[in-house]
Every structure is written in C-alpha cells, then in structure tokens.
Protein backbone atom coordinates (compact mmCIF):
# COMPACT_ATOMS: atom_id res chain seq x y z
CA MET A 1 11.38 53.07 29.04
CA LYS A 2 8.88 51.71 31.53
CA SER A 3 5.68 51.90 29.50
CA LYS A 4 4.66 49.34 26.91
CA TYR A 5 2.50 50.30 23.93
CA ILE A 6 -0.50 48.79 22.16
CA PHE A 7 -1.34 50.36 18.80
CA VAL A 8 -4.90 49.86 17.56
CA THR A 9 -5.51 50.28 13.82
CA GLY A 10 -8.63 49.70 11.72
CA GLY A 11 -9.20 48.22 8.30
CA VAL A 12 -11.75 47.60 5.53
CA ILE A 13 -14.23 50.32 6.58
CA SER A 14 -14.37 53.40 8.78
CA SER A 15 -16.29 53.31 12.08
CA VAL A 16 -15.27 49.68 12.53
CA GLY A 17 -15.16 50.11 16.30
CA LYS A 18 -11.55 51.01 17.07
CA GLY A 19 -12.53 53.47 19.81
CA ILE A 20 -14.66 50.98 21.74
CA THR A 21 -12.02 48.28 21.19
CA ALA A 22 -9.18 50.48 22.46
CA ALA A 23 -11.28 51.53 25.46
CA SER A 24 -12.22 47.90 26.17
CA ILE A 25 -8.58 46.77 26.11
CA ALA A 26 -7.73 49.60 28.52
CA CYS A 27 -10.65 48.56 30.73
CA LEU A 28 -9.44 44.95 30.92
CA LEU A 29 -5.82 45.83 31.64
CA LYS A 30 -6.84 48.26 34.37
CA ALA A 31 -9.05 45.53 35.84
CA ARG A 32 -5.90 43.42 36.02
CA GLY A 33 -4.17 45.97 38.24
CA LEU A 34 -2.13 47.76 35.59
CA LYS A 35 -1.75 51.52 35.20
CA VAL A 36 -3.03 52.48 31.77
CA ASN A 37 -3.31 55.57 29.65
CA ILE A 38 -4.74 56.08 26.19
CA LEU A 39 -4.16 58.36 23.19
CA LYS A 40 -6.33 59.14 20.16
CA CYS A 41 -4.47 60.12 16.97
CA ASP A 42 -6.79 61.72 14.41
CA PRO A 43 -5.36 62.05 10.88
CA TYR A 44 -7.60 64.93 9.85
CA LEU A 45 -6.01 68.37 9.44
CA ASN A 46 -8.40 70.26 11.71
CA ILE A 47 -6.51 71.91 14.54
CA ASN A 48 -9.51 72.46 16.81
CA PRO A 49 -12.07 69.62 16.94
CA GLY A 50 -14.38 72.06 18.70
CA LEU A 51 -15.12 73.61 15.31
CA LEU A 52 -16.15 70.32 13.68
CA SER A 53 -19.81 69.88 12.78
CA PRO A 54 -21.67 67.47 15.10
CA THR A 55 -23.38 66.02 12.02
CA GLN A 56 -19.98 64.83 10.73
CA HIS A 57 -18.06 63.87 13.86
CA GLY A 58 -20.64 63.67 16.63
CA GLU A 59 -20.30 65.56 19.88
CA VAL A 60 -17.24 67.51 20.94
CA PHE A 61 -15.91 66.01 24.17
CA VAL A 62 -14.25 68.35 26.71
CA THR A 63 -11.47 67.27 29.06
CA THR A 64 -10.92 68.63 32.57
CA ASP A 65 -8.18 70.98 31.36
CA GLY A 66 -10.40 72.43 28.63
CA MET A 67 -9.23 70.45 25.61
CA GLU A 68 -11.89 70.02 22.90
CA ALA A 69 -11.58 66.53 21.50
CA ASP A 70 -13.10 63.66 19.54
CA LEU A 71 -15.97 61.76 21.16
CA ASP A 72 -13.72 58.68 21.53
CA LEU A 73 -12.18 60.36 24.58
CA GLY A 74 -15.62 60.04 26.15
CA HIS A 75 -15.49 56.30 25.56
CA TYR A 76 -12.03 56.17 27.13
CA GLU A 77 -13.13 57.98 30.28
CA ARG A 78 -16.28 55.91 30.66
CA PHE A 79 -14.52 52.56 30.16
CA ILE A 80 -11.53 53.17 32.44
CA ASP A 81 -13.08 55.72 34.85
CA GLN A 82 -10.09 57.98 34.39
CA GLU A 83 -9.92 61.65 33.41
CA THR A 84 -8.27 62.60 30.13
CA THR A 85 -6.32 65.78 29.30
CA LYS A 86 -4.78 67.53 26.30
CA PHE A 87 -2.12 64.80 26.23
CA ASN A 88 -4.73 62.17 25.32
CA THR A 89 -5.56 63.56 21.88
CA VAL A 90 -3.73 64.86 18.83
CA THR A 91 -4.64 65.66 15.22
CA SER A 92 -2.52 65.93 12.09
CA GLY A 93 -3.35 69.62 12.11
CA ARG A 94 -1.73 70.10 15.52
CA ILE A 95 1.30 68.05 14.50
CA TYR A 96 1.89 70.08 11.34
CA GLN A 97 1.20 73.35 13.19
CA LYS A 98 3.90 72.54 15.77
CA VAL A 99 6.48 71.46 13.17
CA LEU A 100 5.88 74.51 10.99
CA LYS A 101 6.16 76.82 14.01
CA ASP A 102 9.46 75.16 14.91
CA GLU A 103 10.66 75.76 11.35
CA ILE A 104 9.66 79.44 11.52
CA ASP A 105 11.43 79.75 14.89
CA GLY A 106 14.62 78.39 13.27
CA LYS A 107 14.78 75.16 15.28
CA PHE A 108 15.70 73.12 12.20
CA ALA A 109 18.64 75.38 11.31
CA GLY A 110 17.69 75.69 7.66
CA LYS A 111 17.25 71.96 7.04
CA THR A 112 14.60 70.74 4.62
CA VAL A 113 11.47 69.99 6.65
CA GLN A 114 9.96 66.64 5.64
CA VAL A 115 7.28 64.18 6.73
CA VAL A 116 10.10 61.80 7.66
CA PRO A 117 11.73 62.54 10.03
CA HIS A 118 10.19 65.80 11.27
CA ILE A 119 6.47 64.98 11.27
CA THR A 120 7.03 61.42 12.44
CA ASN A 121 9.39 62.60 15.19
CA GLU A 122 6.74 65.02 16.47
CA ILE A 123 4.18 62.20 16.51
CA LYS A 124 6.57 60.00 18.47
CA GLU A 125 7.10 62.79 20.99
CA ARG A 126 3.33 62.79 21.61
CA LEU A 127 3.47 59.03 22.19
CA VAL A 128 6.11 59.51 24.87
CA ALA A 129 4.40 62.56 26.45
CA VAL A 130 1.18 60.66 27.24
CA ALA A 131 2.94 57.78 29.02
CA GLY A 132 3.73 59.23 32.45
CA ASP A 133 4.02 56.36 34.93
CA SER A 134 1.70 54.06 32.95
CA ASP A 135 2.45 50.37 32.59
CA VAL A 136 0.64 50.30 29.25
CA VAL A 137 -0.32 53.03 26.77
CA ILE A 138 -3.05 52.21 24.25
CA VAL A 139 -2.88 54.33 21.08
CA GLU A 140 -5.80 54.43 18.65
CA ILE A 141 -4.91 55.48 15.10
CA GLY A 142 -8.00 57.09 13.56
CA GLY A 143 -9.16 56.46 10.03
CA THR A 144 -8.72 53.33 7.93
CA VAL A 145 -5.51 51.64 6.79
CA GLY A 146 -4.95 52.81 3.22
CA ASP A 147 -6.07 56.40 3.84
CA ILE A 148 -3.36 58.77 2.62
CA GLU A 149 -3.67 61.13 5.60
CA GLY A 150 -2.99 58.31 8.06
CA LEU A 151 0.38 57.31 6.59
CA PRO A 152 2.56 59.58 8.79
CA PHE A 153 1.01 58.06 11.94
CA LEU A 154 1.52 54.51 10.68
CA GLU A 155 5.12 55.28 9.75
CA ALA A 156 5.68 56.81 13.20
CA ILE A 157 4.36 53.77 15.07
CA ARG A 158 6.44 51.51 12.81
CA GLN A 159 9.58 53.42 13.77
CA PHE A 160 8.54 53.56 17.42
CA ARG A 161 8.81 49.81 17.82
CA ASN A 162 12.48 49.94 16.88
CA ASP A 163 13.01 52.99 19.11
CA ILE A 164 11.80 51.44 22.36
CA GLY A 165 12.36 47.74 21.67
CA ARG A 166 10.24 45.28 19.75
CA GLU A 167 9.27 43.48 22.97
CA ASN A 168 7.57 46.65 24.22
CA VAL A 169 5.13 47.18 21.34
CA LEU A 170 2.05 45.27 20.21
CA TYR A 171 -0.07 45.94 17.11
CA VAL A 172 -3.79 45.14 17.21
CA HIS A 173 -5.76 45.38 13.96
CA VAL A 174 -9.57 45.72 14.02
CA THR A 175 -11.18 44.58 10.79
CA LEU A 176 -14.55 43.71 9.31
CA ILE A 177 -15.45 40.16 8.27
CA PRO A 178 -18.52 40.64 6.05
CA TYR A 179 -21.21 37.99 5.78
CA ILE A 180 -22.53 37.49 2.26
CA LYS A 181 -26.13 36.44 2.72
CA ALA A 182 -26.63 35.13 -0.85
CA SER A 183 -23.81 32.59 -0.55
CA GLU A 184 -24.08 32.27 3.25
CA GLU A 185 -20.34 32.86 3.64
CA LEU A 186 -18.01 34.90 5.80
CA LYS A 187 -15.42 36.58 3.58
CA THR A 188 -11.82 37.10 4.74
CA LYS A 189 -10.41 38.68 1.57
CA PRO A 190 -10.98 42.32 2.73
CA THR A 191 -9.09 41.51 5.94
CA GLN A 192 -6.25 39.90 3.99
CA HIS A 193 -5.93 43.03 1.84
CA SER A 194 -6.05 45.31 4.89
CA VAL A 195 -3.29 43.39 6.65
CA GLN A 196 -1.31 43.33 3.39
CA LYS A 197 -1.49 47.15 3.33
CA LEU A 198 -0.13 47.27 6.88
CA ARG A 199 2.69 44.89 6.04
CA GLU A 200 3.67 47.01 3.04
CA ILE A 201 4.20 49.86 5.52
CA GLY A 202 6.26 47.59 7.75
CA ILE A 203 3.68 46.81 10.44
CA GLU A 204 2.72 43.24 11.17
CA PRO A 205 -0.23 42.88 13.55
CA SER A 206 0.06 40.33 16.35
CA ILE A 207 -3.68 40.29 17.12
CA ILE A 208 -6.55 40.57 14.65
CA LEU A 209 -9.97 41.47 16.02
CA CYS A 210 -12.77 40.50 13.66
CA ARG A 211 -15.90 42.65 13.76
CA MET A 212 -18.84 40.52 12.61
CA ASP A 213 -22.41 39.47 13.24
CA GLN A 214 -21.70 35.73 12.79
CA HIS A 215 -19.47 33.54 14.94
CA LEU A 216 -15.97 32.77 13.68
CA THR A 217 -15.49 29.17 12.60
CA ASP A 218 -12.24 27.25 13.01
CA GLU A 219 -11.93 27.20 9.25
CA ILE A 220 -12.11 30.99 9.02
CA LYS A 221 -9.65 31.42 11.89
CA ASP A 222 -7.22 29.03 10.18
CA LYS A 223 -7.52 30.99 6.95
CA ILE A 224 -6.89 34.37 8.58
CA SER A 225 -4.02 32.93 10.60
CA LEU A 226 -2.41 31.50 7.45
CA PHE A 227 -2.75 34.48 5.14
CA CYS A 228 -2.24 37.22 7.76
CA ASN A 229 0.63 35.50 9.56
CA VAL A 230 -0.80 35.58 13.10
CA GLU A 231 -1.27 32.82 15.64
CA LYS A 232 -4.66 31.16 15.42
CA ASP A 233 -5.41 32.05 19.06
CA ALA A 234 -4.76 35.69 18.17
CA VAL A 235 -7.62 35.76 15.66
CA ILE A 236 -10.43 36.95 17.92
CA GLU A 237 -14.07 37.54 17.12
CA GLU A 238 -15.66 40.78 18.24
CA MET A 239 -19.37 40.22 17.76
CA ASP A 240 -22.00 42.95 17.73
CA VAL A 241 -23.32 43.17 21.30
CA GLN A 242 -27.01 42.88 22.09
CA THR A 243 -27.69 45.14 25.06
CA SER A 244 -24.89 47.60 25.69
CA ILE A 245 -21.44 48.61 24.39
CA TYR A 246 -20.22 47.88 27.93
CA GLU A 247 -20.51 44.18 27.11
CA VAL A 248 -17.51 44.45 24.75
CA PRO A 249 -14.77 44.20 27.43
CA VAL A 250 -16.45 41.11 28.88
CA GLN A 251 -16.75 39.54 25.44
CA LEU A 252 -13.08 40.23 24.68
CA HIS A 253 -12.06 38.84 28.07
CA GLU A 254 -14.02 35.65 27.37
CA ASN A 255 -12.04 35.40 24.13
CA LYS A 256 -8.84 35.73 26.20
CA ILE A 257 -7.49 38.94 24.64
CA ASP A 258 -6.12 40.22 27.96
CA ASP A 259 -4.26 36.92 28.48
CA LEU A 260 -2.73 37.26 25.02
CA ILE A 261 -1.64 40.84 25.64
CA VAL A 262 -0.14 39.95 29.04
CA LYS A 263 1.75 37.06 27.40
CA TYR A 264 3.01 39.00 24.38
CA LEU A 265 4.15 42.05 26.38
CA LYS A 266 5.30 40.04 29.43
CA LEU A 267 3.22 42.17 31.79
CA ASN A 268 3.13 41.62 35.54
CA ALA A 269 -0.66 41.56 35.81
CA GLN A 270 -3.05 40.43 38.54
CA PRO A 271 -6.09 38.17 38.10
CA ILE A 272 -8.90 40.18 36.57
CA ASP A 273 -11.61 41.80 38.71
CA LEU A 274 -14.77 42.60 36.74
CA LYS A 275 -17.26 42.17 39.59
CA GLN A 276 -18.55 45.76 39.60
CA TRP A 277 -18.54 45.88 35.78
CA ASN A 278 -20.52 42.65 35.51
CA GLN A 279 -23.07 43.91 38.06
CA MET A 280 -23.62 47.01 35.91
CA ILE A 281 -24.13 44.85 32.81
CA HIS A 282 -26.55 42.61 34.72
CA ASN A 283 -28.59 45.71 35.62
CA CYS A 284 -28.66 46.72 31.95
CA ARG A 285 -29.75 43.26 30.78
CA TYR A 286 -32.40 42.64 33.42
CA PRO A 287 -34.12 45.93 34.30
CA GLU A 288 -37.16 45.98 36.56
CA HIS A 289 -38.61 49.21 35.16
CA LYS A 290 -38.82 51.14 31.91
CA VAL A 291 -39.09 54.85 31.14
CA THR A 292 -39.10 56.95 27.99
CA VAL A 293 -36.94 60.08 27.93
CA ALA A 294 -37.10 62.63 25.13
CA ILE A 295 -33.84 64.17 23.93
CA THR A 296 -34.98 67.34 22.21
CA GLY A 297 -32.69 69.06 19.75
CA LYS A 298 -31.63 69.99 16.26
CA PHE A 299 -29.07 67.31 15.37
CA ILE A 300 -31.28 64.28 15.90
CA GLU A 301 -30.33 62.82 12.49
CA LEU A 302 -26.93 61.90 13.97
CA LYS A 303 -27.37 60.30 17.37
CA ASP A 304 -23.64 60.69 18.18
CA SER A 305 -24.29 64.44 18.50
CA TYR A 306 -25.63 63.61 21.98
CA LYS A 307 -23.42 60.58 22.70
CA SER A 308 -22.40 61.45 26.27
CA VAL A 309 -25.97 62.46 27.18
CA PHE A 310 -27.25 59.17 25.79
CA GLU A 311 -24.68 57.18 27.78
CA ALA A 312 -25.26 59.16 30.99
CA LEU A 313 -28.99 58.44 30.75
CA LYS A 314 -28.19 54.73 30.40
CA HIS A 315 -25.88 54.92 33.44
CA GLY A 316 -28.62 56.57 35.50
CA GLY A 317 -31.03 53.90 34.31
CA ALA A 318 -28.77 50.96 35.19
CA ILE A 319 -28.29 52.00 38.80
CA ASN A 320 -32.08 52.47 39.09
CA LEU A 321 -32.67 49.04 37.50
CA THR A 322 -34.45 50.87 34.71
CA GLU A 323 -34.35 50.52 30.96
CA VAL A 324 -34.20 54.01 29.45
CA LYS A 325 -35.84 54.24 26.05
CA ILE A 326 -34.56 57.31 24.21
CA LYS A 327 -36.94 59.22 21.99
CA TYR A 328 -35.26 61.83 19.81
CA VAL A 329 -37.58 64.78 19.21
CA ASP A 330 -36.89 67.52 16.68
CA THR A 331 -37.51 70.89 18.33
CA ASP A 332 -38.68 72.24 14.97
CA SER A 333 -41.36 69.55 14.67
CA LYS A 334 -44.82 70.80 13.68
CA HIS A 335 -46.31 68.22 16.07
CA LEU A 336 -44.12 68.94 19.09
CA GLN A 337 -46.71 68.43 21.81
CA GLN A 338 -47.86 65.19 20.20
CA ASP A 339 -44.23 64.01 19.99
CA LEU A 340 -43.78 64.69 23.72
CA LYS A 341 -47.12 63.27 24.85
CA ASP A 342 -45.93 59.76 25.73
CA VAL A 343 -42.58 60.59 27.41
CA ASN A 344 -41.85 60.36 31.13
CA ALA A 345 -39.12 63.02 31.16
CA ILE A 346 -37.53 65.58 28.84
CA ILE A 347 -33.93 66.64 28.42
CA SER A 348 -32.77 69.73 26.53
CA PRO A 349 -29.06 69.19 25.78
CA ASP A 350 -26.30 71.49 24.62
CA GLY A 351 -25.31 71.93 20.98
CA ASP A 352 -28.12 73.77 19.20
CA SER A 353 -28.48 77.46 18.44
CA GLY A 354 -30.24 80.10 16.40
CA GLY A 355 -33.26 78.86 14.47
CA THR A 356 -34.30 76.23 17.01
CA LEU A 357 -34.82 78.68 19.91
CA GLU A 358 -38.62 78.93 19.62
CA GLY A 359 -38.87 75.15 19.46
CA LYS A 360 -36.69 74.81 22.56
CA LEU A 361 -38.81 77.37 24.40
CA ASN A 362 -41.97 75.46 23.51
CA VAL A 363 -40.43 72.25 24.88
CA ILE A 364 -39.48 73.97 28.14
CA LYS A 365 -42.90 75.58 28.54
CA TYR A 366 -44.60 72.22 27.91
CA ALA A 367 -42.46 70.48 30.56
CA ARG A 368 -42.91 73.31 33.06
CA GLU A 369 -46.69 73.61 32.74
CA ASN A 370 -47.36 69.86 32.59
CA LYS A 371 -45.05 69.01 35.53
CA ILE A 372 -42.90 66.69 33.43
CA PRO A 373 -39.37 66.09 34.80
CA PHE A 374 -37.08 68.41 32.86
CA PHE A 375 -33.29 68.63 32.62
CA GLY A 376 -31.62 71.52 30.78
CA ILE A 377 -27.90 71.45 29.94
CA SER A 378 -25.76 74.47 28.95
CA LEU A 379 -27.72 76.05 26.07
CA GLY A 380 -30.69 74.16 27.51
CA MET A 381 -30.31 76.17 30.72
CA GLN A 382 -29.93 79.45 28.85
CA SER A 383 -33.17 78.62 27.02
CA VAL A 384 -34.84 78.02 30.38
CA ILE A 385 -33.85 81.54 31.46
CA ILE A 386 -35.31 83.03 28.28
CA GLU A 387 -38.54 81.02 28.51
CA TYR A 388 -39.08 81.84 32.18
CA ALA A 389 -38.29 85.51 31.68
CA ARG A 390 -40.77 85.78 28.81
CA ASN A 391 -43.63 83.62 29.97
CA VAL A 392 -43.50 83.90 33.76
CA CYS A 393 -41.76 87.20 34.48
CA GLY A 394 -43.46 89.05 31.62
CA ILE A 395 -40.22 90.21 29.98
CA LYS A 396 -41.51 89.67 26.45
CA ASP A 397 -38.32 90.80 24.68
CA ALA A 398 -36.02 88.59 26.76
CA ASN A 399 -33.36 87.00 24.56
CA SER A 400 -29.73 85.95 24.26
CA LEU A 401 -27.06 88.14 22.70
CA ASN A 402 -26.03 85.02 20.83
CA ILE A 403 -29.34 85.15 18.94
CA ASP A 404 -30.24 88.84 18.93
CA LYS A 405 -27.30 91.19 19.41
CA ALA A 406 -29.67 94.17 19.53
CA THR A 407 -32.05 92.79 22.16
CA LYS A 408 -33.19 95.30 24.80
CA GLU A 409 -33.57 92.55 27.40
CA PRO A 410 -30.32 90.50 27.27
CA VAL A 411 -30.95 87.82 29.88
CA ILE A 412 -28.05 85.86 28.34
CA ILE A 413 -24.79 87.75 27.73
CA HIS A 414 -21.21 87.11 26.52
CA THR A 415 -18.91 85.40 28.97
CA PRO A 416 -16.07 87.71 30.07
CA VAL A 417 -13.62 84.82 30.44
CA THR A 418 -10.83 84.07 27.95
CA SER A 419 -10.06 80.36 27.57
CA LYS A 420 -6.62 78.85 27.06
CA ASN A 421 -7.18 78.77 23.30
CA GLY A 422 -7.74 82.52 23.26
CA THR A 423 -11.50 82.59 22.72
CA LEU A 424 -14.09 84.21 24.96
CA MET A 425 -15.56 81.12 26.55
CA ARG A 426 -15.43 78.93 29.62
CA LEU A 427 -13.69 75.64 28.82
CA GLY A 428 -12.87 72.76 31.15
CA SER A 429 -13.53 72.28 34.85
CA TRP A 430 -14.91 75.04 37.08
CA ASN A 431 -15.90 74.88 40.73
CA CYS A 432 -19.48 75.48 41.81
CA VAL A 433 -20.97 76.17 45.25
CA ILE A 434 -24.46 74.84 45.96
CA GLU A 435 -26.96 76.39 48.36
CA LYS A 436 -28.21 74.09 51.10
CA GLY A 437 -31.90 73.28 51.17
CA THR A 438 -32.19 73.20 47.37
CA LYS A 439 -32.94 70.35 44.97
CA ALA A 440 -29.34 70.56 43.73
CA PHE A 441 -28.00 70.06 47.27
CA GLU A 442 -30.40 67.15 47.80
CA ILE A 443 -29.02 65.55 44.61
CA TYR A 444 -25.29 66.17 45.11
CA LYS A 445 -25.36 65.88 48.91
CA LYS A 446 -22.53 68.42 49.15
CA ASP A 447 -22.11 72.16 48.77
CA SER A 448 -19.05 72.24 46.51
CA ILE A 449 -18.59 70.48 43.15
CA SER A 450 -16.47 70.68 40.01
CA GLU A 451 -18.00 70.32 36.53
CA ARG A 452 -16.87 70.78 32.92
CA HIS A 453 -17.92 73.70 30.75
CA ARG A 454 -17.95 74.61 27.05
CA HIS A 455 -19.87 77.80 26.31
CA SER A 456 -19.45 81.46 25.34
CA TYR A 457 -22.54 82.92 27.04
CA GLU A 458 -23.76 83.32 30.62
CA VAL A 459 -26.89 84.25 32.54
CA ASN A 460 -27.10 88.01 33.05
CA LYS A 461 -27.06 88.39 36.85
CA GLU A 462 -29.00 91.65 36.61
CA TYR A 463 -32.13 89.55 35.99
CA VAL A 464 -31.60 87.03 38.81
CA LYS A 465 -33.66 88.94 41.38
CA ILE A 466 -36.82 89.11 39.26
CA LEU A 467 -36.41 85.46 38.17
CA GLU A 468 -36.13 84.33 41.80
CA GLU A 469 -39.09 86.47 42.86
CA LYS A 470 -41.18 84.56 40.30
CA GLY A 471 -40.02 81.12 41.51
CA LEU A 472 -36.90 80.24 39.49
CA LYS A 473 -34.28 79.53 42.16
CA VAL A 474 -30.55 79.93 41.50
CA SER A 475 -29.15 77.04 43.54
CA GLY A 476 -25.57 77.02 42.25
CA TYR A 477 -22.99 79.72 41.57
CA SER A 478 -19.39 79.52 40.39
CA ASN A 479 -16.80 79.40 43.18
CA ASP A 480 -17.40 81.62 46.24
CA ASP A 481 -17.58 84.86 44.28
CA HIS A 482 -21.02 84.06 42.81
CA LYS A 483 -19.77 85.46 39.51
CA PHE A 484 -21.62 83.03 37.23
CA VAL A 485 -24.98 81.29 37.53
CA GLU A 486 -24.42 77.51 37.37
CA ILE A 487 -27.67 75.82 38.44
CA VAL A 488 -31.32 76.90 38.42
CA GLU A 489 -34.42 75.01 39.52
CA ILE A 490 -38.15 75.54 39.95
CA LYS A 491 -39.37 74.99 43.49
CA GLU A 492 -42.99 74.25 42.61
CA HIS A 493 -42.20 71.42 40.20
CA PRO A 494 -41.54 67.70 40.78
CA TRP A 495 -38.12 67.88 39.02
CA PHE A 496 -37.04 70.90 36.98
CA VAL A 497 -33.27 71.48 37.00
CA ALA A 498 -31.04 73.24 34.49
CA VAL A 499 -27.26 73.57 34.62
CA GLN A 500 -24.75 75.71 32.74
CA PHE A 501 -22.12 72.95 32.69
CA ASN A 502 -22.03 69.53 30.97
CA PRO A 503 -22.50 66.86 33.67
CA GLU A 504 -22.72 64.09 31.08
CA PHE A 505 -18.94 64.29 30.55
CA GLN A 506 -18.31 63.00 34.09
CA SER A 507 -20.84 60.16 34.19
CA ARG A 508 -19.47 56.61 34.30
CA PRO A 509 -21.24 53.26 33.84
CA THR A 510 -20.14 52.08 37.31
CA ARG A 511 -20.32 55.59 38.84
CA PRO A 512 -23.26 57.45 37.29
CA HIS A 513 -23.56 61.20 37.66
CA PRO A 514 -25.90 62.15 40.56
CA LEU A 515 -27.98 64.47 38.37
CA PHE A 516 -28.76 61.66 35.93
CA ILE A 517 -29.52 59.21 38.76
CA SER A 518 -32.01 61.66 40.24
CA PHE A 519 -33.46 62.54 36.82
CA ILE A 520 -34.26 58.89 36.02
CA LYS A 521 -35.81 58.47 39.48
CA ALA A 522 -38.03 61.46 38.71
CA ALA A 523 -39.01 59.88 35.37
CA LEU A 524 -39.97 56.70 37.24
CA ASN A 525 -42.06 58.70 39.69
CA LYS A 526 -43.78 60.49 36.82
CA LYS A 527 -44.60 57.18 35.18
C-alpha cells in the first residue's frame, strides 16, 4: 500500500481542537510537497449530518458532490485548499447502515454479525477508500477517548496498523494540560489517564500534542514522556493562538511536528514552503483598516452556526489588509435598527427559517434604504425577493411556500430537483452563467462559475419580470437554460448582492472568494 496514515485522537475533554490539529498537519505536509487527503470519522449514530441542529453541531458543510458533513470538513478544505467529497466523512450511523444492509442482502451467509469483525472491517474499508494516490492520509477520530460510541473506530485503527504495516501508521493524541490557578501548576494527570485508556485498547501514541494556555516546561515534558512512553521531543505544546486559527500550522512547524512525522513515517518530503501562508498571517496580524460587519440571524448563541461565513469574511479582510470585526445581531431583536446603527456592512446568511422572516425582512429593508452594503446568502437571497416584492413591487402578500403553503403570491417555490439522497433539494456544485455588465460580472470577472448549493426552495421565475422592472436585476442563472435564479442585485445601490448558493464554502485563507473580497471593499468604502 502506497499511502501512510496518521490517526488523530483526542482526550480529556471534547472540542480539544482535533479538527484544527488534523487540518494543520495536512497543511504542513502538503507544504512539504506531499499529496495528502483527510477523513473525519464521527462516532454519532446520525446517518445524515444535514439533519443535525446547528445549535449542537454548528453549520452543515456541503462538499462539491453534495455530501452534507461536519464543519471540520470546512477546516480541512480551508487549510489544504483542496476539495472534499463523500469519501472524506463517515459516521457510525452510515457504517451500521451499510453492514445491516449487507446482512439483509445475505452477504454474510447467515453468520453472526458483530462489531468485530464486521463493523471494524467496514470502517477499515472507508480508510482505504479515501486514500487514492495520496502519500499521507490524516484520519480524525471524533469524540473523546473513553466514549463508548468511539470504541469501534479505535479498535479499527488499532487493527489497521497490523494490516498495512506498523511502519506505515502514526498515532497522534491531542490532549488538554489544565493550569490550576490556585496552585499555579500545570497538571499532567488527565493526559496520563487519557493515554492509559488508549493503551488499554492497544494504541500507543507516538506524538502527544498538549493544548494549553501556558508554555510547556522541560519538567512537564519529561513527566509526560516518562508516564506516557513517548520521546521527549514528541511531546509538543499547542498553545492557544492570539490572532487567527491559521497560526496553528506555523506554531506546530516551529515545534518541529512535520520533521517528526517525516522521520517516523520515513517520508520523502521537500523543504517546507509557507511563504504564501505566512503572508496571509502577516496581513491578519497587522491590518491597516478596520470594519464592522453584522451577521444577522437566529442561531447567534452558537457562533459555529455561521463558521464558514465567519472565516470567509476574515479571508476577505486579510487580502484587503482589513480587520473584520463581527457583530452578531439577532433578527428578532426589539432594537434591530439600533443594533445595526454602527455597522459598515450587513450579511444575511443561510440557516434560519420560519419565525425570523419578519426580522430578516426588516434587516434587508434597513440595508436597502440606508445604502449599507448588503450580502444575502441562500435563504438570505430568498428573503430579499420577498422583501423587494412586498415593499418595492407592491405585492403585499408575497411569501415563500416554505413559510406559508397557502400564500397567493408564492415568490419562492419548491425546487423541482431531486438530490442524490432522494430529497427535493439542490445539493452540491451547480454551474451558473453571469450576465456581462452586472455587479456580479465585475466581481467574478468571468461569465461562468460553479458554486455549492443546499436548499429546497427557489425563486419563482414568474415574478422575475416585475422584480426587474422595479430595479432588482437577476445577474446570474443556472447553466445556459436559465432554469434557476442564482444571483440578484440592486443597480441603484453601492453594494447589494444576494446569491442562492453558499460561496463561503469555497473561500480559502490564501485564495479568498471574490464575493467576500468585494463585500469587504464595499464595507471599507462605506466607512
């Protein structure tokens, strides 16, 4: 087998930073000329992450081929500037679903179906499927060591090392080293117990990454090395970063993690090239300007609900040498206009529905009438259509069938497209043609693009003529058939653009999305 594997596990607490760590390792190895791929294994039993509540798991990330996945896939794409697919994510639910279907289809010939070997074999097949021609595959095991639901994945990666050769597998354990303020001590006991749990399963980590807000001392490194049976040089601190999560790869490189991995796995790697990455970080650390952008929505209590939007705004800021201060504004706020008074631009993202419509319409009207740069995404665009139809075109009953199935003026209707998962929705990448002479063409500088979608409703084309007569220009349609409205804009406005797709999914720190670059420029001009 050509590919070598790095398995990233987490201990002590959840949300210890495995996703960023796995993405950072992939970033460093790619910067050393290696072909990398990455897989997220989620132990939860949900089959479709698209049905998970944003308040529990954050945003649902969509791949080019229409796979709904955990937000960590967004981190992977942003850190390695590489598109992910359905092969880059798997849940326990999907594993069990496949094994049980095989049993029903008679593939096990009446044998007793068990976690070992049937579930673990299916997991190992997913590990092989993601490899392709990669030199290195990084696999993040979700959850925390000790969780019962994660045991089949840990058993599978234990077996996998024997399957493909011990020299081809490396285990990296990310753990928390808490600082006890009262005694002014860093405590290693939780890490010792976490590694002990792994060793009971048969996994012995070769590298331990210590999440902490204090620097590791030699004494602490010696202690972890002794009790966790790793080389002292392989005990690496992973401090909380000050400016941006994109500092993590640089920090890990300074602590020589890529050198360790190259040595342990005997990889034929080139000298590292982080020039472009470092320039991006420099722009983040030393901005020349500052703007405030309002993200208006329903799920503001959990910022990860808008993770890709947040990151895309930061990307657009960095290339414009601008610090982007995010202000989260609840669309149901009783003081909405006051909350929006001090912002330089407003974004209405995807992800809300139902009860927040009136609040979203008020936000859109405020931005439109006060000439504030406005960016609507997916449901944000559909809300633009409703607001414009009601308040500019005089169609007072204009609504979406998603909100009012009996509306007499359905400006937003069901999509007629069936996705790969059998639901009526557009999922994954779709082509879009852009009309020349429009703001959208000025931004993209080309007349054909491809963007990712995740929605079940569309603009009703029967209303396009009256909308355009009143000044709302449709500047982008799907493909050449003009079947679906993709982009709308207001001509008589400094910057008012709304899109049916999710451009944030394709923005990268070193290659920001053109819409977000232009949006931040407009915010600067407004300021």
